[in-house]
Amino acid sequence: MSSWRHLPDADAVRETAVAEILQSADQAITARGRFRIVLAGGTTPRAIYRELAARASGLSRWALYYGDERCLPTDHPERNSRMVEDSGLAARAGAHHPIPAELGAEPAAASYAGMIAPRLPFDLVLLGIGEDGHTASLFPGLPWPDEDALVVPVHGAPKPPPERVSLAPRALRACARMLVIATGDSKAAALARWRAGETLPIQRVSEGLSHCLVLTDLPPMAFSSTGTNATAPAPKPARPPDSSSG
């Protein structure tokens, strides 16, 4: 069962996410000498990565992985890896493992699956949620990955570009901690559907995980609280929607 934390605004979500990631990193490095994190795309994560690059200690022990990637050239501004590079986090981390989506969906998925297989489980998986309930590049209405798959090619995604590569649920769920960030009023409907138990990609990926924490700037009264643990409401002013899923 996921735990939910309701925060006053997007800045509070960012600050809390940074604190949770730094805590997970310290614990992993103390226990195993390294920290393996799966990164998400979107606007909110961009600010998180900038702050991590500026604040985190021991970044030489960090290994960066990706939950999904768009099949675009490596220098394209819409690549998730380009966003992380621009934040300064990739340059400071000890290891940076972008998905080679420029190769095409199938070869990139096969290559990345072979690379991550011996590195599972991850220490932390960071995810966002789209307005349709998608997470990473797992979209409603598209074929669901086989249970044994680690990384899958994605064709016909409903948001551009249609060709993508995504970690499959098996890989995303193989983690010590899952952190989901959801900011902006445009996410309220998807969160309500998730909390009501509707079968959405984000629900299927996080189902039954007690180590999944959801951080949102929406108060509980914005959607049903069925089936989750919720903290007290945190009122906030309305503001433009934000994107936190690739």
Protein backbone atom coordinates (compact mmCIF):
# COMPACT_ATOMS: atom_id res chain seq x y z
CA MET A 1 0.00 0.00 0.00
CA SER A 2 1.45 3.34 -1.05
CA SER A 3 1.87 6.16 1.45
CA TRP A 4 0.88 9.67 0.43
CA ARG A 5 2.28 12.97 1.62
CA HIS A 6 0.35 16.15 0.82
CA LEU A 7 2.52 19.27 0.67
CA PRO A 8 1.70 22.98 0.28
CA ASP A 9 3.12 23.58 -3.20
CA ALA A 10 5.48 22.36 -5.92
CA ASP A 11 8.50 23.85 -4.14
CA ALA A 12 7.70 21.80 -1.05
CA VAL A 13 7.37 18.68 -3.21
CA ARG A 14 10.78 19.39 -4.73
CA GLU A 15 12.43 20.02 -1.38
CA THR A 16 10.91 16.90 0.17
CA ALA A 17 11.88 14.77 -2.82
CA VAL A 18 15.47 16.00 -2.58
CA ALA A 19 15.56 15.20 1.14
CA GLU A 20 14.14 11.70 0.57
CA ILE A 21 16.64 10.98 -2.22
CA LEU A 22 19.59 12.23 -0.16
CA GLN A 23 18.50 10.06 2.76
CA SER A 24 18.21 6.99 0.53
CA ALA A 25 21.61 7.75 -0.96
CA ASP A 26 23.26 8.03 2.45
CA GLN A 27 21.71 4.75 3.58
CA ALA A 28 22.72 2.88 0.42
CA ILE A 29 26.28 4.20 0.40
CA THR A 30 26.70 3.36 4.08
CA ALA A 31 25.37 -0.16 3.54
CA ARG A 32 26.80 -1.06 0.14
CA GLY A 33 29.18 1.69 -0.92
CA ARG A 34 27.06 2.87 -3.86
CA PHE A 35 23.66 4.36 -4.73
CA ARG A 36 21.70 3.26 -7.79
CA ILE A 37 18.84 5.58 -8.74
CA VAL A 38 16.38 5.48 -11.64
CA LEU A 39 15.54 8.97 -12.91
CA ALA A 40 12.24 10.30 -14.28
CA GLY A 41 11.60 12.92 -16.95
CA GLY A 42 9.48 16.07 -16.64
CA THR A 43 9.58 19.62 -15.31
CA THR A 44 9.56 18.89 -11.58
CA PRO A 45 12.42 16.36 -11.75
CA ARG A 46 14.55 18.90 -13.61
CA ALA A 47 14.55 21.18 -10.57
CA ILE A 48 15.22 18.19 -8.30
CA TYR A 49 18.28 17.18 -10.33
CA ARG A 50 19.71 20.69 -10.24
CA GLU A 51 19.41 20.79 -6.48
CA LEU A 52 20.92 17.32 -6.09
CA ALA A 53 23.87 18.35 -8.25
CA ALA A 54 24.44 21.33 -6.00
CA ARG A 55 23.81 19.71 -2.62
CA ALA A 56 24.58 16.01 -2.69
CA SER A 57 27.79 14.69 -1.22
CA GLY A 58 29.35 11.42 -2.30
CA LEU A 59 28.10 11.75 -5.87
CA SER A 60 31.06 9.73 -7.06
CA ARG A 61 29.22 6.75 -5.49
CA TRP A 62 26.01 7.44 -7.43
CA ALA A 63 24.97 5.49 -10.56
CA LEU A 64 22.24 7.09 -12.67
CA TYR A 65 19.73 5.05 -14.67
CA TYR A 66 16.56 6.03 -16.54
CA GLY A 67 12.95 4.94 -16.33
CA ASP A 68 12.34 5.77 -19.97
CA GLU A 69 13.69 7.65 -22.95
CA ARG A 70 12.44 9.12 -26.20
CA CYS A 71 13.88 7.76 -29.45
CA LEU A 72 15.61 10.98 -30.43
CA PRO A 73 19.22 11.98 -31.19
CA THR A 74 21.46 12.15 -28.13
CA ASP A 75 21.70 15.95 -28.28
CA HIS A 76 17.96 16.55 -28.71
CA PRO A 77 16.58 18.90 -26.03
CA GLU A 78 13.59 16.60 -25.40
CA ARG A 79 15.76 13.69 -24.31
CA ASN A 80 15.58 12.86 -20.61
CA SER A 81 19.32 12.23 -20.61
CA ARG A 82 19.95 15.70 -22.04
CA MET A 83 17.90 17.24 -19.23
CA VAL A 84 19.96 15.40 -16.61
CA GLU A 85 23.20 16.40 -18.32
CA ASP A 86 22.10 20.04 -18.42
CA SER A 87 21.29 19.92 -14.69
CA GLY A 88 24.92 19.13 -13.87
CA LEU A 89 24.02 15.89 -12.08
CA ALA A 90 25.36 13.54 -14.76
CA ALA A 91 28.78 15.18 -14.76
CA ARG A 92 29.15 14.81 -11.00
CA ALA A 93 27.83 11.25 -10.68
CA GLY A 94 30.25 8.36 -10.61
CA ALA A 95 28.33 6.53 -13.36
CA HIS A 96 25.78 7.70 -15.90
CA HIS A 97 23.81 5.11 -17.88
CA PRO A 98 21.48 6.74 -20.43
CA ILE A 99 19.19 4.54 -22.50
CA PRO A 100 20.66 4.38 -26.05
CA ALA A 101 17.29 5.24 -27.60
CA GLU A 102 18.98 6.85 -30.60
CA LEU A 103 19.57 3.28 -31.81
CA GLY A 104 15.84 2.66 -32.15
CA ALA A 105 13.34 1.19 -29.72
CA GLU A 106 14.10 -2.52 -30.10
CA PRO A 107 17.90 -2.46 -30.06
CA ALA A 108 17.94 0.11 -27.28
CA ALA A 109 15.58 -1.95 -25.12
CA ALA A 110 17.66 -5.09 -25.62
CA SER A 111 20.91 -3.27 -24.84
CA TYR A 112 19.58 -1.59 -21.71
CA ALA A 113 17.99 -4.79 -20.40
CA GLY A 114 21.33 -6.56 -20.60
CA MET A 115 23.04 -3.69 -18.82
CA ILE A 116 20.63 -3.35 -15.88
CA ALA A 117 19.94 -7.07 -15.28
CA PRO A 118 23.03 -7.69 -13.10
CA ARG A 119 22.54 -4.37 -11.29
CA LEU A 120 19.09 -5.01 -9.85
CA PRO A 121 17.64 -4.16 -7.43
CA PHE A 122 17.84 -0.38 -7.59
CA ASP A 123 18.08 1.65 -4.41
CA LEU A 124 15.49 4.21 -5.48
CA VAL A 125 13.13 4.56 -8.45
CA LEU A 126 11.79 8.05 -9.11
CA LEU A 127 8.56 8.23 -11.11
CA GLY A 128 6.05 10.80 -12.26
CA ILE A 129 2.45 10.41 -13.35
CA GLY A 130 0.84 11.75 -16.50
CA GLU A 131 -2.66 13.17 -16.82
CA ASP A 132 -3.76 9.82 -18.28
CA GLY A 133 -2.18 7.81 -15.47
CA HIS A 134 0.92 6.78 -17.41
CA THR A 135 4.30 6.47 -15.76
CA ALA A 136 7.71 6.17 -17.40
CA SER A 137 6.56 5.37 -20.97
CA LEU A 138 3.94 2.84 -19.93
CA PHE A 139 0.71 4.25 -21.34
CA PRO A 140 -2.93 3.23 -20.96
CA GLY A 141 -4.19 1.41 -24.02
CA LEU A 142 -0.80 0.12 -25.16
CA PRO A 143 0.21 -3.53 -24.74
CA TRP A 144 1.33 -4.28 -21.20
CA PRO A 145 4.86 -5.72 -20.94
CA ASP A 146 5.38 -9.40 -20.31
CA GLU A 147 6.04 -10.12 -16.65
CA ASP A 148 9.59 -11.29 -17.38
CA ALA A 149 10.59 -8.21 -19.41
CA LEU A 150 13.00 -5.70 -17.90
CA VAL A 151 13.00 -3.06 -20.66
CA VAL A 152 10.52 -2.74 -23.53
CA PRO A 153 10.29 -0.89 -26.85
CA VAL A 154 7.27 1.41 -27.02
CA HIS A 155 5.51 2.14 -30.31
CA GLY A 156 2.57 4.45 -30.87
CA ALA A 157 2.82 6.42 -27.64
CA PRO A 158 -0.08 8.90 -27.43
CA LYS A 159 2.28 11.80 -26.73
CA PRO A 160 5.21 12.67 -28.98
CA PRO A 161 7.47 11.15 -29.90
CA PRO A 162 5.61 7.88 -30.47
CA GLU A 163 8.78 5.77 -30.38
CA ARG A 164 10.23 5.28 -26.92
CA VAL A 165 11.97 2.86 -24.60
CA SER A 166 10.74 2.14 -21.07
CA LEU A 167 11.71 0.09 -18.08
CA ALA A 168 9.08 -2.59 -17.60
CA PRO A 169 7.18 -3.07 -14.33
CA ARG A 170 9.50 -5.87 -13.25
CA ALA A 171 12.50 -3.52 -13.32
CA LEU A 172 10.68 -0.50 -11.88
CA ARG A 173 9.38 -2.56 -8.96
CA ALA A 174 12.81 -4.04 -8.21
CA CYS A 175 13.83 -1.31 -5.78
CA ALA A 176 14.34 -0.60 -2.11
CA ARG A 177 12.33 2.63 -2.40
CA MET A 178 9.88 4.05 -4.94
CA LEU A 179 9.17 7.79 -4.97
CA VAL A 180 6.31 9.19 -7.09
CA ILE A 181 5.97 12.94 -7.61
CA ALA A 182 2.73 14.52 -8.82
CA THR A 183 2.38 18.29 -9.03
CA GLY A 184 -0.19 20.54 -10.67
CA ASP A 185 -3.98 20.63 -10.75
CA SER A 186 -3.98 18.76 -14.07
CA LYS A 187 -2.92 15.61 -12.19
CA ALA A 188 -5.96 15.59 -9.87
CA ALA A 189 -8.15 13.39 -12.10
CA ALA A 190 -5.42 10.77 -12.60
CA LEU A 191 -4.63 10.71 -8.89
CA ALA A 192 -8.33 10.29 -8.06
CA ARG A 193 -8.59 7.35 -10.45
CA TRP A 194 -5.46 5.79 -8.98
CA ARG A 195 -6.66 6.16 -5.41
CA ALA A 196 -10.06 4.77 -6.35
CA GLY A 197 -8.31 1.58 -7.46
CA GLU A 198 -8.68 2.00 -11.22
CA THR A 199 -6.23 -0.06 -13.26
CA LEU A 200 -3.74 2.50 -14.56
CA PRO A 201 -0.06 2.07 -15.39
CA ILE A 202 1.00 3.93 -12.23
CA GLN A 203 -1.33 1.73 -10.17
CA ARG A 204 -0.01 -1.48 -11.71
CA VAL A 205 3.62 -0.47 -11.21
CA SER A 206 3.18 0.51 -7.56
CA GLU A 207 0.52 -2.01 -6.52
CA GLY A 208 1.23 -3.67 -3.19
CA LEU A 209 4.52 -1.85 -2.57
CA SER A 210 4.77 -0.67 1.02
CA HIS A 211 7.96 1.21 0.14
CA CYS A 212 6.21 3.51 -2.36
CA LEU A 213 5.84 7.15 -1.26
CA VAL A 214 3.74 9.62 -3.25
CA LEU A 215 4.52 13.33 -2.91
CA THR A 216 1.88 15.73 -4.20
CA ASP A 217 0.92 19.38 -3.82
CA LEU A 218 -2.78 18.51 -4.13
CA PRO A 219 -4.82 18.31 -0.89
CA PRO A 220 -6.70 15.09 -0.06
CA MET A 221 -10.05 16.75 -0.72
CA ALA A 222 -9.04 17.07 -4.40
CA PHE A 223 -9.59 13.33 -4.87
CA SER A 224 -10.83 10.19 -3.14
CA SER A 225 -8.62 8.69 -0.42
CA THR A 226 -9.87 5.13 -0.93
CA GLY A 227 -7.20 2.50 -0.45
CA THR A 228 -4.26 4.65 0.62
CA ASN A 229 -2.65 6.17 3.66
CA ALA A 230 -2.97 9.96 3.52
CA THR A 231 -1.50 12.70 5.66
CA ALA A 232 -3.43 15.78 6.71
CA PRO A 233 -4.50 18.29 4.02
CA ALA A 234 -2.07 20.99 2.97
CA PRO A 235 -4.01 23.85 1.34
CA LYS A 236 -2.43 25.55 -1.63
CA PRO A 237 -3.32 28.23 -4.17
CA ALA A 238 -4.22 27.21 -7.71
CA ARG A 239 -1.44 27.49 -10.25
CA PRO A 240 -0.60 26.33 -13.79
CA PRO A 241 -0.18 22.58 -14.36
CA ASP A 242 3.24 21.00 -14.24
CA SER A 243 4.57 17.91 -15.99
CA SER A 244 6.42 15.26 -14.02
CA SER A 245 6.28 12.24 -16.29
CA GLY A 246 8.23 11.51 -19.46
